[in-house]
């Protein structure tokens, strides 16, 4: 099942934030040709200067991990993190489809009465 990667980057300095754009474009361009890449969006927050959000959809976690660990991505990410002054934040989400709730690890099924 496809899943979403949410990548958040925040800058305190507007000039540094503007330097980020070419790196994001390079990452996006390279990601689109990776096996398992489905689609993505890159967003700039309008009411919070210096915040950028990337929403990326991948066929599988394995496909994302292969891209994440690739030398080409790591090189660009290193430059981005240097601009940020900290590591980029990643979050992983799966869609809830048709009202079916996923079974969570360590959870017990609801009592059927």
Protein backbone atom coordinates (compact mmCIF):
# COMPACT_ATOMS: atom_id res chain seq x y z
CA UNK A 1 0.00 0.00 0.00
CA UNK A 2 1.26 3.48 -0.84
CA UNK A 3 2.31 5.76 1.95
CA UNK A 4 3.14 9.42 2.47
CA UNK A 5 6.37 10.99 3.63
CA UNK A 6 5.99 14.44 5.19
CA UNK A 7 9.24 16.41 5.22
CA UNK A 8 9.32 19.65 7.21
CA UNK A 9 12.04 22.26 7.13
CA UNK A 10 12.05 25.51 9.12
CA UNK A 11 14.36 28.48 8.78
CA UNK A 12 14.76 31.42 11.11
CA UNK A 13 16.71 33.40 8.52
CA UNK A 14 14.75 34.32 5.36
CA UNK A 15 17.94 34.48 3.23
CA UNK A 16 18.82 30.91 4.18
CA UNK A 17 15.28 29.82 3.35
CA UNK A 18 15.62 31.26 -0.15
CA UNK A 19 18.86 29.29 -0.64
CA UNK A 20 16.90 26.10 0.06
CA UNK A 21 14.73 26.29 -3.06
CA UNK A 22 17.34 25.06 -5.58
CA UNK A 23 18.15 22.06 -3.34
CA UNK A 24 14.47 21.15 -3.00
CA UNK A 25 14.07 21.38 -6.77
CA UNK A 26 17.05 19.07 -7.26
CA UNK A 27 15.72 16.56 -4.74
CA UNK A 28 12.26 16.65 -6.30
CA UNK A 29 13.65 16.21 -9.80
CA UNK A 30 15.76 13.23 -8.77
CA UNK A 31 12.98 11.67 -6.68
CA UNK A 32 10.55 11.61 -9.62
CA UNK A 33 12.70 9.09 -11.48
CA UNK A 34 13.19 6.75 -8.51
CA UNK A 35 11.51 3.33 -8.48
CA UNK A 36 8.35 3.51 -6.38
CA UNK A 37 7.90 7.28 -6.50
CA UNK A 38 4.25 8.16 -7.17
CA UNK A 39 3.82 11.90 -6.67
CA UNK A 40 4.75 14.84 -4.48
CA UNK A 41 4.05 18.43 -3.53
CA UNK A 42 6.35 21.13 -2.25
CA UNK A 43 4.67 23.83 -0.19
CA UNK A 44 5.81 27.13 1.32
CA UNK A 45 3.88 28.26 4.39
CA UNK A 46 2.14 31.60 3.80
CA UNK A 47 1.55 32.53 7.42
CA UNK A 48 4.86 31.33 8.88
CA UNK A 49 7.94 32.64 7.08
CA UNK A 50 10.69 30.16 6.46
CA UNK A 51 8.69 26.96 6.71
CA UNK A 52 8.63 24.47 3.83
CA UNK A 53 6.72 21.21 3.62
CA UNK A 54 7.16 18.38 1.15
CA UNK A 55 4.48 15.70 0.82
CA UNK A 56 5.78 12.73 -1.10
CA UNK A 57 3.88 9.55 -2.02
CA UNK A 58 5.74 6.27 -2.47
CA UNK A 59 4.65 2.77 -3.42
CA UNK A 60 6.39 1.21 -0.42
CA UNK A 61 8.58 2.04 2.55
CA UNK A 62 11.34 0.00 0.90
CA UNK A 63 11.23 2.27 -2.18
CA UNK A 64 11.49 5.37 0.06
CA UNK A 65 14.32 3.84 2.09
CA UNK A 66 16.28 3.05 -1.08
CA UNK A 67 15.93 6.67 -2.23
CA UNK A 68 16.61 8.06 1.26
CA UNK A 69 19.85 6.08 1.55
CA UNK A 70 21.12 6.80 -1.96
CA UNK A 71 24.41 8.68 -2.26
CA UNK A 72 22.89 11.37 -4.51
CA UNK A 73 20.14 12.16 -1.99
CA UNK A 74 22.48 12.05 0.99
CA UNK A 75 24.79 14.60 -0.65
CA UNK A 76 21.94 17.07 -1.23
CA UNK A 77 20.44 16.44 2.20
CA UNK A 78 23.78 17.17 3.87
CA UNK A 79 23.82 20.60 2.20
CA UNK A 80 20.22 21.27 3.23
CA UNK A 81 20.88 20.34 6.86
CA UNK A 82 23.94 22.59 6.85
CA UNK A 83 21.71 25.49 5.77
CA UNK A 84 19.10 24.56 8.39
CA UNK A 85 21.63 24.18 11.16
CA UNK A 86 19.77 21.01 12.21
CA UNK A 87 18.46 17.77 10.76
CA UNK A 88 15.37 17.72 8.58
CA UNK A 89 12.23 16.24 10.15
CA UNK A 90 10.54 13.25 8.48
CA UNK A 91 7.14 11.76 9.30
CA UNK A 92 5.51 8.73 7.71
CA UNK A 93 1.76 8.30 7.18
CA UNK A 94 -0.51 5.66 5.68
CA UNK A 95 -3.95 6.47 4.29
CA UNK A 96 -7.10 5.36 6.09
CA UNK A 97 -9.19 4.00 3.23
CA UNK A 98 -12.93 3.39 3.20
CA UNK A 99 -13.33 3.87 6.95
CA UNK A 100 -11.29 0.74 7.68
CA UNK A 101 -9.09 1.32 10.69
CA UNK A 102 -5.65 -0.31 10.70
CA UNK A 103 -4.70 -2.78 13.39
CA UNK A 104 -2.05 -1.24 15.61
CA UNK A 105 0.75 -3.26 17.13
CA UNK A 106 0.12 -4.23 20.75
CA UNK A 107 -3.61 -3.48 20.43
CA UNK A 108 -6.38 -5.93 21.12
CA UNK A 109 -9.49 -6.22 18.93
CA UNK A 110 -12.61 -4.56 20.26
CA UNK A 111 -14.95 -6.80 22.24
CA UNK A 112 -17.77 -7.96 19.91
CA UNK A 113 -21.14 -8.00 21.68
